[in-house]
Amino acid sequence: MPITFKSQATGNLVMLQAHAEALLRLLGKTATQPGVIEVSDMPRVLGILHGLAHDAPSVPPASLDTPPQAPAASDEDEAPPPFQDEPVSLRQRAAPFIRLIEQAQAGQQPVVWGV
């Protein structure tokens, strides 16, 4: 079931319940009941969410010295792209939520869900 985060300062953000619960649990909140992030709490919340990016391992950038290689043509079924098996991290899922909170903070409006 999706959870919709709302603020009068920005558009709505719809997130799957499992992902919303994981993020809200970090903030000491729950997705199963209506909730609010007040403007006064937003600096603390953003600090927690921005901390996700620093805790996760970074991906090294692609080398600029090596030109990209075209895949070899074959009649066999092509293998799926290598990124297809990589899971989406919580820090990646948090990015739209962080933007929503930053915009709500700039507009001095709370973020609510479950209402």
PDB file of N, CA and C in Angstrom:
ATOM      1  N   MET A   1       0.842  -1.171   0.000  1.00  0.00           N
ATOM      2  CA  MET A   1       0.000   0.000   0.000  1.00  0.00           C
ATOM      3  C   MET A   1       0.896   1.246   0.000  1.00  0.00           C
ATOM      4  N   PRO A   2       0.623   2.193  -0.852  1.00  0.00           N
ATOM      5  CA  PRO A   2       1.476   3.385  -0.914  1.00  0.00           C
ATOM      6  C   PRO A   2       1.177   4.374   0.219  1.00  0.00           C
ATOM      7  N   ILE A   3       2.193   5.120   0.584  1.00  0.00           N
ATOM      8  CA  ILE A   3       2.081   6.198   1.566  1.00  0.00           C
ATOM      9  C   ILE A   3       2.309   7.497   0.801  1.00  0.00           C
ATOM     10  N   THR A   4       1.431   8.474   1.010  1.00  0.00           N
ATOM     11  CA  THR A   4       1.552   9.764   0.337  1.00  0.00           C
ATOM     12  C   THR A   4       1.996  10.818   1.341  1.00  0.00           C
ATOM     13  N   PHE A   5       3.138  11.425   1.080  1.00  0.00           N
ATOM     14  CA  PHE A   5       3.638  12.532   1.887  1.00  0.00           C
ATOM     15  C   PHE A   5       3.162  13.815   1.227  1.00  0.00           C
ATOM     16  N   LYS A   6       2.601  14.728   2.039  1.00  0.00           N
ATOM     17  CA  LYS A   6       2.024  15.961   1.503  1.00  0.00           C
ATOM     18  C   LYS A   6       2.577  17.175   2.238  1.00  0.00           C
ATOM     19  N   SER A   7       2.694  18.269   1.498  1.00  0.00           N
ATOM     20  CA  SER A   7       3.043  19.559   2.067  1.00  0.00           C
ATOM     21  C   SER A   7       2.463  20.632   1.167  1.00  0.00           C
ATOM     22  N   GLN A   8       2.010  21.707   1.768  1.00  0.00           N
ATOM     23  CA  GLN A   8       1.462  22.799   0.968  1.00  0.00           C
ATOM     24  C   GLN A   8       2.559  23.545   0.214  1.00  0.00           C
ATOM     25  N   ALA A   9       3.811  23.306   0.555  1.00  0.00           N
ATOM     26  CA  ALA A   9       4.923  23.988  -0.099  1.00  0.00           C
ATOM     27  C   ALA A   9       5.387  23.289  -1.371  1.00  0.00           C
ATOM     28  N   THR A  10       4.928  22.060  -1.606  1.00  0.00           N
ATOM     29  CA  THR A  10       5.411  21.290  -2.751  1.00  0.00           C
ATOM     30  C   THR A  10       4.381  20.246  -3.145  1.00  0.00           C
ATOM     31  N   GLY A  11       4.669  19.515  -4.191  1.00  0.00           N
ATOM     32  CA  GLY A  11       3.778  18.449  -4.631  1.00  0.00           C
ATOM     33  C   GLY A  11       3.851  17.243  -3.709  1.00  0.00           C
ATOM     34  N   ASN A  12       2.950  16.310  -3.912  1.00  0.00           N
ATOM     35  CA  ASN A  12       2.908  15.088  -3.109  1.00  0.00           C
ATOM     36  C   ASN A  12       4.010  14.122  -3.532  1.00  0.00           C
ATOM     37  N   LEU A  13       4.421  13.290  -2.593  1.00  0.00           N
ATOM     38  CA  LEU A  13       5.387  12.228  -2.849  1.00  0.00           C
ATOM     39  C   LEU A  13       4.734  10.916  -2.447  1.00  0.00           C
ATOM     40  N   VAL A  14       4.612   9.995  -3.402  1.00  0.00           N
ATOM     41  CA  VAL A  14       4.031   8.681  -3.135  1.00  0.00           C
ATOM     42  C   VAL A  14       5.167   7.670  -3.048  1.00  0.00           C
ATOM     43  N   MET A  15       5.172   6.888  -1.963  1.00  0.00           N
ATOM     44  CA  MET A  15       6.233   5.917  -1.721  1.00  0.00           C
ATOM     45  C   MET A  15       5.596   4.608  -1.258  1.00  0.00           C
ATOM     46  N   LEU A  16       6.171   3.492  -1.657  1.00  0.00           N
ATOM     47  CA  LEU A  16       5.684   2.205  -1.174  1.00  0.00           C
ATOM     48  C   LEU A  16       5.816   2.145   0.347  1.00  0.00           C
ATOM     49  N   GLN A  17       4.855   1.487   0.986  1.00  0.00           N
ATOM     50  CA  GLN A  17       4.808   1.468   2.445  1.00  0.00           C
ATOM     51  C   GLN A  17       6.090   0.921   3.067  1.00  0.00           C
ATOM     52  N   ALA A  18       6.642  -0.130   2.514  1.00  0.00           N
ATOM     53  CA  ALA A  18       7.859  -0.725   3.086  1.00  0.00           C
ATOM     54  C   ALA A  18       9.015   0.272   3.102  1.00  0.00           C
ATOM     55  N   HIS A  19       9.157   1.041   2.036  1.00  0.00           N
ATOM     56  CA  HIS A  19      10.249   2.016   1.961  1.00  0.00           C
ATOM     57  C   HIS A  19       9.966   3.210   2.868  1.00  0.00           C
ATOM     58  N   ALA A  20       8.706   3.657   2.907  1.00  0.00           N
ATOM     59  CA  ALA A  20       8.330   4.764   3.791  1.00  0.00           C
ATOM     60  C   ALA A  20       8.552   4.374   5.248  1.00  0.00           C
ATOM     61  N   GLU A  21       8.168   3.149   5.607  1.00  0.00           N
ATOM     62  CA  GLU A  21       8.359   2.687   6.988  1.00  0.00           C
ATOM     63  C   GLU A  21       9.837   2.664   7.365  1.00  0.00           C
ATOM     64  N   ALA A  22      10.684   2.229   6.453  1.00  0.00           N
ATOM     65  CA  ALA A  22      12.121   2.177   6.739  1.00  0.00           C
ATOM     66  C   ALA A  22      12.669   3.576   7.011  1.00  0.00           C
ATOM     67  N   LEU A  23      12.259   4.551   6.209  1.00  0.00           N
ATOM     68  CA  LEU A  23      12.735   5.923   6.406  1.00  0.00           C
ATOM     69  C   LEU A  23      12.155   6.528   7.678  1.00  0.00           C
ATOM     70  N   LEU A  24      10.861   6.333   7.893  1.00  0.00           N
ATOM     71  CA  LEU A  24      10.223   6.918   9.071  1.00  0.00           C
ATOM     72  C   LEU A  24      10.733   6.284  10.363  1.00  0.00           C
ATOM     73  N   ARG A  25      11.071   5.008  10.320  1.00  0.00           N
ATOM     74  CA  ARG A  25      11.622   4.330  11.499  1.00  0.00           C
ATOM     75  C   ARG A  25      12.925   5.006  11.925  1.00  0.00           C
ATOM     76  N   LEU A  26      13.735   5.439  10.958  1.00  0.00           N
ATOM     77  CA  LEU A  26      14.974   6.162  11.278  1.00  0.00           C
ATOM     78  C   LEU A  26      14.683   7.465  12.016  1.00  0.00           C
ATOM     79  N   LEU A  27      13.510   8.036  11.728  1.00  0.00           N
ATOM     80  CA  LEU A  27      13.135   9.317  12.313  1.00  0.00           C
ATOM     81  C   LEU A  27      12.341   9.151  13.602  1.00  0.00           C
ATOM     82  N   GLY A  28      12.093   7.901  14.002  1.00  0.00           N
ATOM     83  CA  GLY A  28      11.312   7.653  15.210  1.00  0.00           C
ATOM     84  C   GLY A  28       9.826   7.810  14.996  1.00  0.00           C
ATOM     85  N   LYS A  29       9.391   7.632  13.758  1.00  0.00           N
ATOM     86  CA  LYS A  29       7.974   7.782  13.419  1.00  0.00           C
ATOM     87  C   LYS A  29       7.483   6.499  12.767  1.00  0.00           C
ATOM     88  N   THR A  30       6.181   6.423  12.505  1.00  0.00           N
ATOM     89  CA  THR A  30       5.594   5.241  11.896  1.00  0.00           C
ATOM     90  C   THR A  30       4.748   5.628  10.690  1.00  0.00           C
ATOM     91  N   ALA A  31       4.662   4.726   9.728  1.00  0.00           N
ATOM     92  CA  ALA A  31       3.853   4.975   8.534  1.00  0.00           C
ATOM     93  C   ALA A  31       2.446   4.428   8.689  1.00  0.00           C
ATOM     94  N   THR A  32       2.204   3.652   9.750  1.00  0.00           N
ATOM     95  CA  THR A  32       0.895   3.022   9.913  1.00  0.00           C
ATOM     96  C   THR A  32      -0.145   3.962  10.491  1.00  0.00           C
ATOM     97  N   GLN A  33       0.276   5.087  11.044  1.00  0.00           N
ATOM     98  CA  GLN A  33      -0.644   6.076  11.595  1.00  0.00           C
ATOM     99  C   GLN A  33      -0.348   7.429  10.959  1.00  0.00           C
ATOM    100  N   PRO A  34      -1.345   8.314  10.934  1.00  0.00           N
ATOM    101  CA  PRO A  34      -1.074   9.660  10.414  1.00  0.00           C
ATOM    102  C   PRO A  34       0.065  10.312  11.200  1.00  0.00           C
ATOM    103  N   GLY A  35       0.871  11.075  10.491  1.00  0.00           N
ATOM    104  CA  GLY A  35       2.004  11.712  11.146  1.00  0.00           C
ATOM    105  C   GLY A  35       2.338  13.051  10.529  1.00  0.00           C
ATOM    106  N   VAL A  36       3.259  13.749  11.181  1.00  0.00           N
ATOM    107  CA  VAL A  36       3.670  15.070  10.720  1.00  0.00           C
ATOM    108  C   VAL A  36       5.143  15.283  11.058  1.00  0.00           C
ATOM    109  N   ILE A  37       5.816  15.993  10.174  1.00  0.00           N
ATOM    110  CA  ILE A  37       7.154  16.500  10.452  1.00  0.00           C
ATOM    111  C   ILE A  37       7.007  18.015  10.479  1.00  0.00           C
ATOM    112  N   GLU A  38       7.129  18.579  11.667  1.00  0.00           N
ATOM    113  CA  GLU A  38       6.992  20.023  11.836  1.00  0.00           C
ATOM    114  C   GLU A  38       8.230  20.733  11.292  1.00  0.00           C
ATOM    115  N   VAL A  39       8.059  21.988  10.920  1.00  0.00           N
ATOM    116  CA  VAL A  39       9.164  22.786  10.382  1.00  0.00           C
ATOM    117  C   VAL A  39      10.312  22.845  11.394  1.00  0.00           C
ATOM    118  N   SER A  40       9.990  22.937  12.674  1.00  0.00           N
ATOM    119  CA  SER A  40      11.038  23.014  13.700  1.00  0.00           C
ATOM    120  C   SER A  40      11.849  21.719  13.805  1.00  0.00           C
ATOM    121  N   ASP A  41      11.277  20.587  13.374  1.00  0.00           N
ATOM    122  CA  ASP A  41      11.978  19.299  13.410  1.00  0.00           C
ATOM    123  C   ASP A  41      12.775  19.016  12.139  1.00  0.00           C
ATOM    124  N   MET A  42      12.568  19.795  11.103  1.00  0.00           N
ATOM    125  CA  MET A  42      13.165  19.489   9.802  1.00  0.00           C
ATOM    126  C   MET A  42      14.694  19.513   9.787  1.00  0.00           C
ATOM    127  N   PRO A  43      15.369  20.427  10.489  1.00  0.00           N
ATOM    128  CA  PRO A  43      16.839  20.358  10.482  1.00  0.00           C
ATOM    129  C   PRO A  43      17.361  19.029  11.043  1.00  0.00           C
ATOM    130  N   ARG A  44      16.765  18.533  12.122  1.00  0.00           N
ATOM    131  CA  ARG A  44      17.169  17.248  12.704  1.00  0.00           C
ATOM    132  C   ARG A  44      16.885  16.108  11.738  1.00  0.00           C
ATOM    133  N   VAL A  45      15.692  16.123  11.129  1.00  0.00           N
ATOM    134  CA  VAL A  45      15.286  15.075  10.187  1.00  0.00           C
ATOM    135  C   VAL A  45      16.220  15.062   8.978  1.00  0.00           C
ATOM    136  N   LEU A  46      16.514  16.230   8.442  1.00  0.00           N
ATOM    137  CA  LEU A  46      17.410  16.304   7.284  1.00  0.00           C
ATOM    138  C   LEU A  46      18.817  15.823   7.646  1.00  0.00           C
ATOM    139  N   GLY A  47      19.261  16.117   8.852  1.00  0.00           N
ATOM    140  CA  GLY A  47      20.565  15.637   9.295  1.00  0.00           C
ATOM    141  C   GLY A  47      20.627  14.117   9.313  1.00  0.00           C
ATOM    142  N   ILE A  48      19.558  13.489   9.792  1.00  0.00           N
ATOM    143  CA  ILE A  48      19.496  12.023   9.821  1.00  0.00           C
ATOM    144  C   ILE A  48      19.494  11.470   8.404  1.00  0.00           C
ATOM    145  N   LEU A  49      18.656  12.038   7.543  1.00  0.00           N
ATOM    146  CA  LEU A  49      18.532  11.523   6.177  1.00  0.00           C
ATOM    147  C   LEU A  49      19.785  11.783   5.349  1.00  0.00           C
ATOM    148  N   HIS A  50      20.419  12.933   5.536  1.00  0.00           N
ATOM    149  CA  HIS A  50      21.675  13.201   4.822  1.00  0.00           C
ATOM    150  C   HIS A  50      22.777  12.267   5.316  1.00  0.00           C
ATOM    151  N   GLY A  51      22.689  11.816   6.546  1.00  0.00           N
ATOM    152  CA  GLY A  51      23.658  10.873   7.087  1.00  0.00           C
ATOM    153  C   GLY A  51      23.632   9.532   6.383  1.00  0.00           C
ATOM    154  N   LEU A  52      22.509   9.200   5.766  1.00  0.00           N
ATOM    155  CA  LEU A  52      22.422   7.950   5.004  1.00  0.00           C
ATOM    156  C   LEU A  52      23.450   7.925   3.889  1.00  0.00           C
ATOM    157  N   ALA A  53      23.652   9.045   3.229  1.00  0.00           N
ATOM    158  CA  ALA A  53      24.578   9.113   2.096  1.00  0.00           C
ATOM    159  C   ALA A  53      26.013   8.881   2.550  1.00  0.00           C
ATOM    160  N   HIS A  54      26.341   9.290   3.772  1.00  0.00           N
ATOM    161  CA  HIS A  54      27.713   9.147   4.243  1.00  0.00           C
ATOM    162  C   HIS A  54      27.989   7.758   4.802  1.00  0.00           C
ATOM    163  N   ASP A  55      26.948   7.067   5.239  1.00  0.00           N
ATOM    164  CA  ASP A  55      27.128   5.724   5.790  1.00  0.00           C
ATOM    165  C   ASP A  55      27.257   4.670   4.702  1.00  0.00           C
ATOM    166  N   ALA A  56      26.668   4.927   3.546  1.00  0.00           N
ATOM    167  CA  ALA A  56      26.653   3.932   2.473  1.00  0.00           C
ATOM    168  C   ALA A  56      27.961   3.999   1.691  1.00  0.00           C
ATOM    169  N   PRO A  57      28.399   2.884   1.156  1.00  0.00           N
ATOM    170  CA  PRO A  57      29.633   2.904   0.358  1.00  0.00           C
ATOM    171  C   PRO A  57      29.435   3.699  -0.925  1.00  0.00           C
ATOM    172  N   SER A  58      30.482   4.383  -1.339  1.00  0.00           N
ATOM    173  CA  SER A  58      30.377   5.170  -2.564  1.00  0.00           C
ATOM    174  C   SER A  58      30.780   4.322  -3.759  1.00  0.00           C
ATOM    175  N   VAL A  59      30.263   4.701  -4.895  1.00  0.00           N
ATOM    176  CA  VAL A  59      30.579   4.000  -6.135  1.00  0.00           C
ATOM    177  C   VAL A  59      31.646   4.807  -6.856  1.00  0.00           C
ATOM    178  N   PRO A  60      32.776   4.209  -7.224  1.00  0.00           N
ATOM    179  CA  PRO A  60      33.820   4.977  -7.902  1.00  0.00           C
ATOM    180  C   PRO A  60      33.341   5.448  -9.270  1.00  0.00           C
ATOM    181  N   PRO A  61      33.697   6.668  -9.655  1.00  0.00           N
ATOM    182  CA  PRO A  61      33.280   7.152 -10.972  1.00  0.00           C
ATOM    183  C   PRO A  61      33.967   6.379 -12.085  1.00  0.00           C
ATOM    184  N   ALA A  62      33.347   6.361 -13.238  1.00  0.00           N
ATOM    185  CA  ALA A  62      33.922   5.676 -14.401  1.00  0.00           C
ATOM    186  C   ALA A  62      35.186   6.403 -14.830  1.00  0.00           C
ATOM    187  N   SER A  63      36.131   5.662 -15.309  1.00  0.00           N
ATOM    188  CA  SER A  63      37.392   6.244 -15.747  1.00  0.00           C
ATOM    189  C   SER A  63      37.173   7.036 -17.031  1.00  0.00           C
ATOM    190  N   LEU A  64      37.738   8.234 -17.071  1.00  0.00           N
ATOM    191  CA  LEU A  64      37.606   9.068 -18.265  1.00  0.00           C
ATOM    192  C   LEU A  64      38.612   8.666 -19.335  1.00  0.00           C
ATOM    193  N   ASP A  65      39.643   7.901 -18.934  1.00  0.00           N
ATOM    194  CA  ASP A  65      40.675   7.498 -19.888  1.00  0.00           C
ATOM    195  C   ASP A  65      40.234   6.352 -20.786  1.00  0.00           C
ATOM    196  N   THR A  66      39.275   5.583 -20.338  1.00  0.00           N
ATOM    197  CA  THR A  66      38.849   4.399 -21.080  1.00  0.00           C
ATOM    198  C   THR A  66      37.579   4.707 -21.859  1.00  0.00           C
ATOM    199  N   PRO A  67      37.634   4.655 -23.197  1.00  0.00           N
ATOM    200  CA  PRO A  67      36.411   4.917 -23.965  1.00  0.00           C
ATOM    201  C   PRO A  67      35.426   3.766 -23.793  1.00  0.00           C
ATOM    202  N   PRO A  68      34.125   4.059 -23.848  1.00  0.00           N
ATOM    203  CA  PRO A  68      33.143   2.990 -23.720  1.00  0.00           C
ATOM    204  C   PRO A  68      33.248   2.025 -24.887  1.00  0.00           C
ATOM    205  N   GLN A  69      33.020   0.752 -24.622  1.00  0.00           N
ATOM    206  CA  GLN A  69      33.101  -0.265 -25.660  1.00  0.00           C
ATOM    207  C   GLN A  69      31.699  -0.689 -26.059  1.00  0.00           C
ATOM    208  N   ALA A  70      31.509  -0.860 -27.350  1.00  0.00           N
ATOM    209  CA  ALA A  70      30.211  -1.319 -27.847  1.00  0.00           C
ATOM    210  C   ALA A  70      30.072  -2.800 -27.550  1.00  0.00           C
ATOM    211  N   PRO A  71      28.870  -3.237 -27.174  1.00  0.00           N
ATOM    212  CA  PRO A  71      28.689  -4.662 -26.910  1.00  0.00           C
ATOM    213  C   PRO A  71      28.831  -5.467 -28.191  1.00  0.00           C
ATOM    214  N   ALA A  72      29.339  -6.678 -28.066  1.00  0.00           N
ATOM    215  CA  ALA A  72      29.502  -7.561 -29.220  1.00  0.00           C
ATOM    216  C   ALA A  72      28.136  -8.044 -29.683  1.00  0.00           C
ATOM    217  N   ALA A  73      27.925  -8.032 -30.988  1.00  0.00           N
ATOM    218  CA  ALA A  73      26.647  -8.484 -31.542  1.00  0.00           C
ATOM    219  C   ALA A  73      26.616 -10.003 -31.556  1.00  0.00           C
ATOM    220  N   SER A  74      25.474 -10.561 -31.186  1.00  0.00           N
ATOM    221  CA  SER A  74      25.322 -12.014 -31.226  1.00  0.00           C
ATOM    222  C   SER A  74      23.865 -12.349 -31.483  1.00  0.00           C
ATOM    223  N   ASP A  75      23.640 -13.575 -31.928  1.00  0.00           N
ATOM    224  CA  ASP A  75      22.279 -14.023 -32.192  1.00  0.00           C
ATOM    225  C   ASP A  75      21.604 -14.546 -30.925  1.00  0.00           C
ATOM    226  N   GLU A  76      22.376 -14.782 -29.874  1.00  0.00           N
ATOM    227  CA  GLU A  76      21.817 -15.305 -28.636  1.00  0.00           C
ATOM    228  C   GLU A  76      21.081 -14.201 -27.885  1.00  0.00           C
ATOM    229  N   ASP A  77      20.262 -14.631 -26.928  1.00  0.00           N
ATOM    230  CA  ASP A  77      19.589 -13.650 -26.080  1.00  0.00           C
ATOM    231  C   ASP A  77      20.638 -12.824 -25.358  1.00  0.00           C
ATOM    232  N   GLU A  78      20.388 -11.541 -25.291  1.00  0.00           N
ATOM    233  CA  GLU A  78      21.338 -10.662 -24.622  1.00  0.00           C
ATOM    234  C   GLU A  78      21.167 -10.771 -23.115  1.00  0.00           C
ATOM    235  N   ALA A  79      22.261 -10.667 -22.417  1.00  0.00           N
ATOM    236  CA  ALA A  79      22.225 -10.685 -20.955  1.00  0.00           C
ATOM    237  C   ALA A  79      21.631  -9.367 -20.464  1.00  0.00           C
ATOM    238  N   PRO A  80      20.957  -9.374 -19.322  1.00  0.00           N
ATOM    239  CA  PRO A  80      20.414  -8.124 -18.793  1.00  0.00           C
ATOM    240  C   PRO A  80      21.546  -7.173 -18.424  1.00  0.00           C
ATOM    241  N   PRO A  81      21.287  -5.878 -18.442  1.00  0.00           N
ATOM    242  CA  PRO A  81      22.317  -4.916 -18.054  1.00  0.00           C
ATOM    243  C   PRO A  81      22.810  -5.225 -16.638  1.00  0.00           C
ATOM    244  N   PRO A  82      24.086  -4.968 -16.362  1.00  0.00           N
ATOM    245  CA  PRO A  82      24.641  -5.330 -15.061  1.00  0.00           C
ATOM    246  C   PRO A  82      23.952  -4.630 -13.891  1.00  0.00           C
ATOM    247  N   PHE A  83      23.410  -3.440 -14.093  1.00  0.00           N
ATOM    248  CA  PHE A  83      22.768  -2.719 -13.000  1.00  0.00           C
ATOM    249  C   PHE A  83      21.412  -3.303 -12.624  1.00  0.00           C
ATOM    250  N   GLN A  84      20.871  -4.152 -13.453  1.00  0.00           N
ATOM    251  CA  GLN A  84      19.530  -4.667 -13.225  1.00  0.00           C
ATOM    252  C   GLN A  84      19.452  -5.529 -11.961  1.00  0.00           C
ATOM    253  N   ASP A  85      20.535  -6.160 -11.581  1.00  0.00           N
ATOM    254  CA  ASP A  85      20.540  -7.005 -10.393  1.00  0.00           C
ATOM    255  C   ASP A  85      20.920  -6.251  -9.127  1.00  0.00           C
ATOM    256  N   GLU A  86      21.299  -4.992  -9.245  1.00  0.00           N
ATOM    257  CA  GLU A  86      21.721  -4.223  -8.082  1.00  0.00           C
ATOM    258  C   GLU A  86      20.497  -3.695  -7.348  1.00  0.00           C
ATOM    259  N   PRO A  87      20.434  -3.885  -6.036  1.00  0.00           N
ATOM    260  CA  PRO A  87      19.297  -3.357  -5.282  1.00  0.00           C
ATOM    261  C   PRO A  87      19.390  -1.837  -5.164  1.00  0.00           C
ATOM    262  N   VAL A  88      18.252  -1.204  -4.989  1.00  0.00           N
ATOM    263  CA  VAL A  88      18.204   0.238  -4.773  1.00  0.00           C
ATOM    264  C   VAL A  88      18.405   0.472  -3.281  1.00  0.00           C
ATOM    265  N   SER A  89      19.389   1.267  -2.930  1.00  0.00           N
ATOM    266  CA  SER A  89      19.701   1.488  -1.517  1.00  0.00           C
ATOM    267  C   SER A  89      18.688   2.434  -0.879  1.00  0.00           C
ATOM    268  N   LEU A  90      18.652   2.399   0.444  1.00  0.00           N
ATOM    269  CA  LEU A  90      17.747   3.275   1.181  1.00  0.00           C
ATOM    270  C   LEU A  90      18.124   4.735   0.957  1.00  0.00           C
ATOM    271  N   ARG A  91      19.418   5.009   0.811  1.00  0.00           N
ATOM    272  CA  ARG A  91      19.825   6.403   0.577  1.00  0.00           C
ATOM    273  C   ARG A  91      19.309   6.902  -0.769  1.00  0.00           C
ATOM    274  N   GLN A  92      19.232   6.014  -1.771  1.00  0.00           N
ATOM    275  CA  GLN A  92      18.682   6.414  -3.066  1.00  0.00           C
ATOM    276  C   GLN A  92      17.174   6.638  -2.958  1.00  0.00           C
ATOM    277  N   ARG A  93      16.511   5.795  -2.201  1.00  0.00           N
ATOM    278  CA  ARG A  93      15.068   5.951  -2.024  1.00  0.00           C
ATOM    279  C   ARG A  93      14.741   7.192  -1.205  1.00  0.00           C
ATOM    280  N   ALA A  94      15.678   7.635  -0.376  1.00  0.00           N
ATOM    281  CA  ALA A  94      15.456   8.801   0.474  1.00  0.00           C
ATOM    282  C   ALA A  94      15.581  10.115  -0.288  1.00  0.00           C
ATOM    283  N   ALA A  95      16.229  10.126  -1.437  1.00  0.00           N
ATOM    284  CA  ALA A  95      16.502  11.376  -2.163  1.00  0.00           C
ATOM    285  C   ALA A  95      15.243  12.199  -2.442  1.00  0.00           C
ATOM    286  N   PRO A  96      14.159  11.629  -2.977  1.00  0.00           N
ATOM    287  CA  PRO A  96      12.964  12.450  -3.198  1.00  0.00           C
ATOM    288  C   PRO A  96      12.342  12.937  -1.888  1.00  0.00           C
ATOM    289  N   PHE A  97      12.430  12.124  -0.838  1.00  0.00           N
ATOM    290  CA  PHE A  97      11.894  12.498   0.472  1.00  0.00           C
ATOM    291  C   PHE A  97      12.691  13.673   1.038  1.00  0.00           C
ATOM    292  N   ILE A  98      14.009  13.645   0.862  1.00  0.00           N
ATOM    293  CA  ILE A  98      14.862  14.748   1.311  1.00  0.00           C
ATOM    294  C   ILE A  98      14.490  16.030   0.574  1.00  0.00           C
ATOM    295  N   ARG A  99      14.316  15.936  -0.752  1.00  0.00           N
ATOM    296  CA  ARG A  99      13.938  17.128  -1.531  1.00  0.00           C
ATOM    297  C   ARG A  99      12.595  17.677  -1.070  1.00  0.00           C
ATOM    298  N   LEU A 100      11.640  16.801  -0.791  1.00  0.00           N
ATOM    299  CA  LEU A 100      10.328  17.236  -0.319  1.00  0.00           C
ATOM    300  C   LEU A 100      10.465  17.994   0.998  1.00  0.00           C
ATOM    301  N   ILE A 101      11.250  17.465   1.922  1.00  0.00           N
ATOM    302  CA  ILE A 101      11.419  18.116   3.223  1.00  0.00           C
ATOM    303  C   ILE A 101      12.151  19.445   3.067  1.00  0.00           C
ATOM    304  N   GLU A 102      13.164  19.494   2.215  1.00  0.00           N
ATOM    305  CA  GLU A 102      13.883  20.754   1.990  1.00  0.00           C
ATOM    306  C   GLU A 102      12.955  21.821   1.421  1.00  0.00           C
ATOM    307  N   GLN A 103      12.109  21.445   0.476  1.00  0.00           N
ATOM    308  CA  GLN A 103      11.168  22.401  -0.108  1.00  0.00           C
ATOM    309  C   GLN A 103      10.118  22.825   0.910  1.00  0.00           C
ATOM    310  N   ALA A 104       9.661  21.900   1.727  1.00  0.00           N
ATOM    311  CA  ALA A 104       8.688  22.230   2.771  1.00  0.00           C
ATOM    312  C   ALA A 104       9.316  23.172   3.796  1.00  0.00           C
ATOM    313  N   GLN A 105      10.561  22.929   4.140  1.00  0.00           N
ATOM    314  CA  GLN A 105      11.261  23.790   5.088  1.00  0.00           C
ATOM    315  C   GLN A 105      11.418  25.198   4.519  1.00  0.00           C
ATOM    316  N   ALA A 106      11.770  25.292   3.244  1.00  0.00           N
ATOM    317  CA  ALA A 106      11.917  26.603   2.601  1.00  0.00           C
ATOM    318  C   ALA A 106      10.588  27.351   2.569  1.00  0.00           C
ATOM    319  N   GLY A 107       9.493  26.621   2.405  1.00  0.00           N
ATOM    320  CA  GLY A 107       8.164  27.229   2.387  1.00  0.00           C
ATOM    321  C   GLY A 107       7.520  27.336   3.757  1.00  0.00           C
ATOM    322  N   GLN A 108       8.253  26.923   4.801  1.00  0.00           N
ATOM    323  CA  GLN A 108       7.756  26.970   6.180  1.00  0.00           C
ATOM    324  C   GLN A 108       6.429  26.223   6.350  1.00  0.00           C
ATOM    325  N   GLN A 109       6.342  25.040   5.736  1.00  0.00           N
ATOM    326  CA  GLN A 109       5.131  24.213   5.809  1.00  0.00           C
ATOM    327  C   GLN A 109       5.494  22.820   6.326  1.00  0.00           C
ATOM    328  N   PRO A 110       4.645  22.212   7.153  1.00  0.00           N
ATOM    329  CA  PRO A 110       4.920  20.855   7.629  1.00  0.00           C
ATOM    330  C   PRO A 110       4.714  19.814   6.535  1.00  0.00           C
ATOM    331  N   VAL A 111       5.243  18.624   6.766  1.00  0.00           N
ATOM    332  CA  VAL A 111       5.019  17.468   5.898  1.00  0.00           C
ATOM    333  C   VAL A 111       4.120  16.512   6.674  1.00  0.00           C
ATOM    334  N   VAL A 112       3.044  16.051   6.038  1.00  0.00           N
ATOM    335  CA  VAL A 112       2.104  15.140   6.697  1.00  0.00           C
ATOM    336  C   VAL A 112       1.926  13.884   5.855  1.00  0.00           C
ATOM    337  N   TRP A 113       1.454  12.812   6.479  1.00  0.00           N
ATOM    338  CA  TRP A 113       1.108  11.578   5.769  1.00  0.00           C
ATOM    339  C   TRP A 113      -0.017  10.891   6.535  1.00  0.00           C
ATOM    340  N   GLY A 114      -0.753  10.077   5.811  1.00  0.00           N
ATOM    341  CA  GLY A 114      -1.833   9.311   6.425  1.00  0.00           C
ATOM    342  C   GLY A 114      -3.076  10.114   6.729  1.00  0.00           C
ATOM    343  N   VAL A 115      -3.186  11.296   6.156  1.00  0.00           N
ATOM    344  CA  VAL A 115      -4.383  12.130   6.386  1.00  0.00           C
ATOM    345  C   VAL A 115      -5.175  12.286   5.116  1.00  0.00           C
TER     346      VAL A 115
END
